[in-house]
Amino acid sequence: MTSSRQSGDLHVSRRDDRAQYELHGGEELLSFATFSQVDGVVTVPHVETPVDHRGHGYSTMLMAGVVDDLRTNGLRIDPICWVARKYVEALPDADTLLVD
C-alpha cells in the first residue's frame, strides 16, 4: 500500500493488490476508484462512495489523491467513469493528464 495524499485524518492510498485507490477516514473506507494500469496510463472505470458517506465531497478528495499519484509518478489517465472525467477535465493541466 502506497499513501499518496493525507489531510488530517483522511488519507488516499493506492492499493495495487486490490486495483483501487481508497480514501480512508481512520480505518473506515469512505470512497474508492477501481483502476488498471498499462504503459503509463491509469484507466479508471469506476468511482464509488458508499451511500452513507455521500454528500461530503469524498469522491473529490479521492480524485485529488489519484491525480497527485499520477503527477508524482509521471502517469496519465483514461477516466471512463464520469466522476473521474469531470474532476480531471476541470483541472488547469488536464491536457497533460488525459490520454489522447
N, C-alpha and C. Protein backbone atom coordinates (compact mmCIF):
# COMPACT_ATOMS: atom_id res chain seq x y z
N MET A 1 0.85 -1.17 0.00
CA MET A 1 0.00 0.00 0.00
C MET A 1 0.89 1.23 0.00
N THR A 2 0.62 2.16 -0.92
CA THR A 2 1.39 3.38 -1.01
C THR A 2 0.46 4.56 -0.80
N SER A 3 0.70 5.34 0.24
CA SER A 3 -0.12 6.51 0.51
C SER A 3 0.30 7.63 -0.41
N SER A 4 -0.66 8.32 -1.04
CA SER A 4 -0.32 9.38 -1.97
C SER A 4 -0.79 10.75 -1.52
N ARG A 5 -1.68 10.82 -0.55
CA ARG A 5 -2.17 12.11 -0.10
C ARG A 5 -2.77 11.96 1.27
N GLN A 6 -2.44 12.88 2.19
CA GLN A 6 -3.02 12.86 3.52
C GLN A 6 -3.52 14.25 3.87
N SER A 7 -4.64 14.31 4.57
CA SER A 7 -5.19 15.57 5.04
C SER A 7 -5.90 15.29 6.35
N GLY A 8 -5.26 15.67 7.45
CA GLY A 8 -5.84 15.39 8.76
C GLY A 8 -5.99 13.90 8.95
N ASP A 9 -7.20 13.48 9.26
CA ASP A 9 -7.50 12.07 9.47
C ASP A 9 -7.76 11.31 8.17
N LEU A 10 -7.89 12.02 7.06
CA LEU A 10 -8.21 11.40 5.78
C LEU A 10 -6.93 11.11 5.01
N HIS A 11 -6.90 9.96 4.35
CA HIS A 11 -5.75 9.64 3.51
C HIS A 11 -6.18 8.80 2.30
N VAL A 12 -5.50 9.07 1.18
CA VAL A 12 -5.73 8.31 -0.05
C VAL A 12 -4.56 7.37 -0.24
N SER A 13 -4.88 6.12 -0.53
CA SER A 13 -3.86 5.10 -0.76
C SER A 13 -4.11 4.43 -2.10
N ARG A 14 -3.03 4.07 -2.76
CA ARG A 14 -3.12 3.25 -3.96
C ARG A 14 -2.91 1.82 -3.53
N ARG A 15 -3.89 0.99 -3.76
CA ARG A 15 -3.82 -0.42 -3.38
C ARG A 15 -3.70 -1.27 -4.64
N ASP A 16 -2.49 -1.56 -5.04
CA ASP A 16 -2.28 -2.38 -6.23
C ASP A 16 -2.83 -3.78 -6.05
N ASP A 17 -2.82 -4.29 -4.81
CA ASP A 17 -3.34 -5.64 -4.55
C ASP A 17 -4.85 -5.73 -4.77
N ARG A 18 -5.54 -4.60 -4.72
CA ARG A 18 -6.99 -4.56 -4.95
C ARG A 18 -7.33 -3.83 -6.24
N ALA A 19 -6.32 -3.29 -6.91
CA ALA A 19 -6.51 -2.49 -8.12
C ALA A 19 -7.49 -1.34 -7.87
N GLN A 20 -7.24 -0.63 -6.76
CA GLN A 20 -8.07 0.54 -6.48
C GLN A 20 -7.34 1.55 -5.62
N TYR A 21 -7.77 2.79 -5.78
CA TYR A 21 -7.38 3.87 -4.89
C TYR A 21 -8.47 3.94 -3.83
N GLU A 22 -8.07 4.22 -2.58
CA GLU A 22 -9.04 4.26 -1.48
C GLU A 22 -8.85 5.51 -0.65
N LEU A 23 -9.96 6.11 -0.28
CA LEU A 23 -9.96 7.22 0.67
C LEU A 23 -10.47 6.67 2.00
N HIS A 24 -9.63 6.79 3.02
CA HIS A 24 -9.99 6.32 4.36
C HIS A 24 -10.05 7.48 5.33
N GLY A 25 -10.98 7.39 6.25
CA GLY A 25 -11.03 8.26 7.42
C GLY A 25 -10.75 7.36 8.60
N GLY A 26 -9.54 7.42 9.14
CA GLY A 26 -9.15 6.43 10.13
C GLY A 26 -9.08 5.08 9.45
N GLU A 27 -9.82 4.11 9.96
CA GLU A 27 -9.86 2.77 9.37
C GLU A 27 -11.05 2.58 8.42
N GLU A 28 -11.91 3.58 8.31
CA GLU A 28 -13.14 3.44 7.53
C GLU A 28 -12.95 3.84 6.07
N LEU A 29 -13.39 2.98 5.16
CA LEU A 29 -13.34 3.26 3.73
C LEU A 29 -14.48 4.23 3.39
N LEU A 30 -14.10 5.41 2.86
CA LEU A 30 -15.08 6.45 2.56
C LEU A 30 -15.41 6.53 1.07
N SER A 31 -14.46 6.20 0.21
CA SER A 31 -14.67 6.26 -1.23
C SER A 31 -13.55 5.46 -1.90
N PHE A 32 -13.80 4.95 -3.11
CA PHE A 32 -12.76 4.21 -3.82
C PHE A 32 -12.93 4.35 -5.32
N ALA A 33 -11.83 4.13 -6.04
CA ALA A 33 -11.83 4.14 -7.51
C ALA A 33 -11.09 2.90 -7.98
N THR A 34 -11.73 2.11 -8.82
CA THR A 34 -11.05 0.96 -9.40
C THR A 34 -10.17 1.45 -10.55
N PHE A 35 -9.09 0.72 -10.82
CA PHE A 35 -8.20 1.14 -11.90
C PHE A 35 -7.43 -0.05 -12.46
N SER A 36 -6.88 0.18 -13.64
CA SER A 36 -5.88 -0.71 -14.23
C SER A 36 -4.81 0.21 -14.80
N GLN A 37 -3.60 -0.32 -14.95
CA GLN A 37 -2.51 0.49 -15.48
C GLN A 37 -1.75 -0.30 -16.53
N VAL A 38 -1.62 0.30 -17.70
CA VAL A 38 -0.86 -0.30 -18.79
C VAL A 38 -0.07 0.81 -19.49
N ASP A 39 1.21 0.60 -19.65
CA ASP A 39 2.07 1.53 -20.40
C ASP A 39 1.93 2.98 -19.94
N GLY A 40 1.94 3.21 -18.65
CA GLY A 40 1.91 4.57 -18.12
C GLY A 40 0.55 5.24 -18.13
N VAL A 41 -0.50 4.48 -18.44
CA VAL A 41 -1.86 5.02 -18.45
C VAL A 41 -2.69 4.30 -17.41
N VAL A 42 -3.28 5.08 -16.51
CA VAL A 42 -4.18 4.54 -15.48
C VAL A 42 -5.61 4.73 -15.98
N THR A 43 -6.33 3.64 -16.16
CA THR A 43 -7.73 3.68 -16.58
C THR A 43 -8.60 3.55 -15.34
N VAL A 44 -9.54 4.48 -15.18
CA VAL A 44 -10.44 4.49 -14.03
C VAL A 44 -11.87 4.27 -14.53
N PRO A 45 -12.36 3.01 -14.45
CA PRO A 45 -13.72 2.73 -14.93
C PRO A 45 -14.81 3.02 -13.91
N HIS A 46 -14.45 3.16 -12.62
CA HIS A 46 -15.50 3.26 -11.60
C HIS A 46 -15.00 4.01 -10.37
N VAL A 47 -15.80 4.96 -9.91
CA VAL A 47 -15.57 5.65 -8.64
C VAL A 47 -16.84 5.49 -7.83
N GLU A 48 -16.69 5.14 -6.56
CA GLU A 48 -17.88 4.92 -5.72
C GLU A 48 -17.66 5.44 -4.31
N THR A 49 -18.72 6.04 -3.78
CA THR A 49 -18.78 6.43 -2.38
C THR A 49 -20.00 5.74 -1.80
N PRO A 50 -19.83 4.93 -0.76
CA PRO A 50 -20.99 4.26 -0.16
C PRO A 50 -22.08 5.28 0.22
N VAL A 51 -23.32 4.85 0.11
CA VAL A 51 -24.48 5.73 0.31
C VAL A 51 -24.39 6.52 1.61
N ASP A 52 -24.00 5.89 2.69
CA ASP A 52 -23.98 6.58 3.98
C ASP A 52 -22.85 7.60 4.11
N HIS A 53 -21.96 7.67 3.09
CA HIS A 53 -20.87 8.65 3.11
C HIS A 53 -21.01 9.71 2.02
N ARG A 54 -22.09 9.67 1.25
CA ARG A 54 -22.26 10.63 0.17
C ARG A 54 -22.62 12.02 0.70
N GLY A 55 -22.30 13.02 -0.10
CA GLY A 55 -22.64 14.39 0.25
C GLY A 55 -21.58 15.11 1.07
N HIS A 56 -20.40 14.51 1.19
CA HIS A 56 -19.32 15.12 1.98
C HIS A 56 -18.10 15.48 1.12
N GLY A 57 -18.22 15.29 -0.20
CA GLY A 57 -17.11 15.61 -1.09
C GLY A 57 -16.00 14.57 -1.11
N TYR A 58 -16.30 13.36 -0.66
CA TYR A 58 -15.26 12.34 -0.57
C TYR A 58 -14.72 11.91 -1.93
N SER A 59 -15.57 11.85 -2.95
CA SER A 59 -15.07 11.45 -4.27
C SER A 59 -14.12 12.51 -4.82
N THR A 60 -14.37 13.78 -4.52
CA THR A 60 -13.47 14.85 -4.94
C THR A 60 -12.13 14.72 -4.22
N MET A 61 -12.16 14.45 -2.92
CA MET A 61 -10.91 14.26 -2.17
C MET A 61 -10.15 13.04 -2.70
N LEU A 62 -10.88 11.98 -3.01
CA LEU A 62 -10.26 10.79 -3.57
C LEU A 62 -9.57 11.11 -4.89
N MET A 63 -10.27 11.78 -5.79
CA MET A 63 -9.70 12.10 -7.10
C MET A 63 -8.50 13.03 -6.98
N ALA A 64 -8.50 13.92 -5.99
CA ALA A 64 -7.32 14.77 -5.77
C ALA A 64 -6.11 13.90 -5.44
N GLY A 65 -6.32 12.87 -4.63
CA GLY A 65 -5.23 11.95 -4.30
C GLY A 65 -4.79 11.13 -5.50
N VAL A 66 -5.74 10.71 -6.32
CA VAL A 66 -5.40 9.96 -7.53
C VAL A 66 -4.52 10.82 -8.44
N VAL A 67 -4.95 12.05 -8.66
CA VAL A 67 -4.20 12.96 -9.53
C VAL A 67 -2.81 13.25 -8.95
N ASP A 68 -2.70 13.41 -7.65
CA ASP A 68 -1.38 13.59 -7.03
C ASP A 68 -0.47 12.40 -7.35
N ASP A 69 -1.02 11.20 -7.26
CA ASP A 69 -0.24 10.00 -7.57
C ASP A 69 0.18 9.98 -9.04
N LEU A 70 -0.73 10.35 -9.93
CA LEU A 70 -0.40 10.40 -11.36
C LEU A 70 0.74 11.36 -11.62
N ARG A 71 0.64 12.57 -11.06
CA ARG A 71 1.68 13.58 -11.27
C ARG A 71 3.02 13.12 -10.70
N THR A 72 2.99 12.58 -9.50
CA THR A 72 4.22 12.12 -8.84
C THR A 72 4.94 11.05 -9.64
N ASN A 73 4.16 10.19 -10.28
CA ASN A 73 4.73 9.04 -10.99
C ASN A 73 4.77 9.20 -12.51
N GLY A 74 4.44 10.40 -13.00
CA GLY A 74 4.51 10.66 -14.44
C GLY A 74 3.54 9.83 -15.25
N LEU A 75 2.35 9.60 -14.70
CA LEU A 75 1.34 8.78 -15.37
C LEU A 75 0.26 9.66 -15.99
N ARG A 76 -0.50 9.07 -16.90
CA ARG A 76 -1.65 9.75 -17.50
C ARG A 76 -2.90 8.96 -17.14
N ILE A 77 -4.08 9.55 -17.42
CA ILE A 77 -5.33 8.91 -17.01
C ILE A 77 -6.31 8.81 -18.17
N ASP A 78 -7.02 7.70 -18.19
CA ASP A 78 -8.16 7.49 -19.08
C ASP A 78 -9.37 7.33 -18.16
N PRO A 79 -10.05 8.44 -17.83
CA PRO A 79 -11.16 8.39 -16.87
C PRO A 79 -12.47 7.98 -17.54
N ILE A 80 -12.76 6.72 -17.52
CA ILE A 80 -14.00 6.22 -18.12
C ILE A 80 -15.21 6.63 -17.27
N CYS A 81 -15.07 6.57 -15.96
CA CYS A 81 -16.14 6.97 -15.04
C CYS A 81 -16.38 8.47 -15.16
N TRP A 82 -17.63 8.88 -15.18
CA TRP A 82 -17.96 10.30 -15.33
C TRP A 82 -17.46 11.13 -14.15
N VAL A 83 -17.41 10.58 -12.96
CA VAL A 83 -16.92 11.32 -11.79
C VAL A 83 -15.44 11.65 -11.99
N ALA A 84 -14.67 10.65 -12.38
CA ALA A 84 -13.24 10.85 -12.61
C ALA A 84 -13.02 11.83 -13.77
N ARG A 85 -13.77 11.66 -14.86
CA ARG A 85 -13.61 12.53 -16.03
C ARG A 85 -13.94 13.98 -15.68
N LYS A 86 -15.03 14.20 -14.98
CA LYS A 86 -15.44 15.56 -14.61
C LYS A 86 -14.36 16.23 -13.75
N TYR A 87 -13.79 15.49 -12.81
CA TYR A 87 -12.76 16.04 -11.94
C TYR A 87 -11.52 16.43 -12.75
N VAL A 88 -11.03 15.51 -13.57
CA VAL A 88 -9.78 15.74 -14.31
C VAL A 88 -9.96 16.83 -15.35
N GLU A 89 -11.07 16.84 -16.07
CA GLU A 89 -11.30 17.85 -17.10
C GLU A 89 -11.36 19.26 -16.54
N ALA A 90 -11.69 19.42 -15.27
CA ALA A 90 -11.78 20.74 -14.65
C ALA A 90 -10.41 21.27 -14.21
N LEU A 91 -9.38 20.45 -14.26
CA LEU A 91 -8.04 20.87 -13.84
C LEU A 91 -7.37 21.73 -14.91
N PRO A 92 -6.59 22.73 -14.50
CA PRO A 92 -5.92 23.58 -15.49
C PRO A 92 -4.91 22.83 -16.35
N ASP A 93 -4.35 21.73 -15.82
CA ASP A 93 -3.38 20.94 -16.59
C ASP A 93 -3.97 19.64 -17.12
N ALA A 94 -5.28 19.63 -17.34
CA ALA A 94 -5.97 18.42 -17.80
C ALA A 94 -5.34 17.84 -19.07
N ASP A 95 -4.91 18.69 -19.97
CA ASP A 95 -4.33 18.21 -21.23
C ASP A 95 -3.04 17.42 -21.02
N THR A 96 -2.34 17.64 -19.91
CA THR A 96 -1.11 16.89 -19.65
C THR A 96 -1.41 15.56 -18.94
N LEU A 97 -2.63 15.42 -18.42
CA LEU A 97 -3.02 14.21 -17.69
C LEU A 97 -3.85 13.23 -18.52
N LEU A 98 -4.73 13.77 -19.36
CA LEU A 98 -5.65 12.93 -20.13
C LEU A 98 -4.95 12.29 -21.33
N VAL A 99 -5.29 11.03 -21.59
CA VAL A 99 -4.77 10.38 -22.79
C VAL A 99 -5.51 10.95 -24.00
N ASP A 100 -4.85 10.86 -25.15
CA ASP A 100 -5.45 11.40 -26.39
C ASP A 100 -6.61 10.57 -26.86
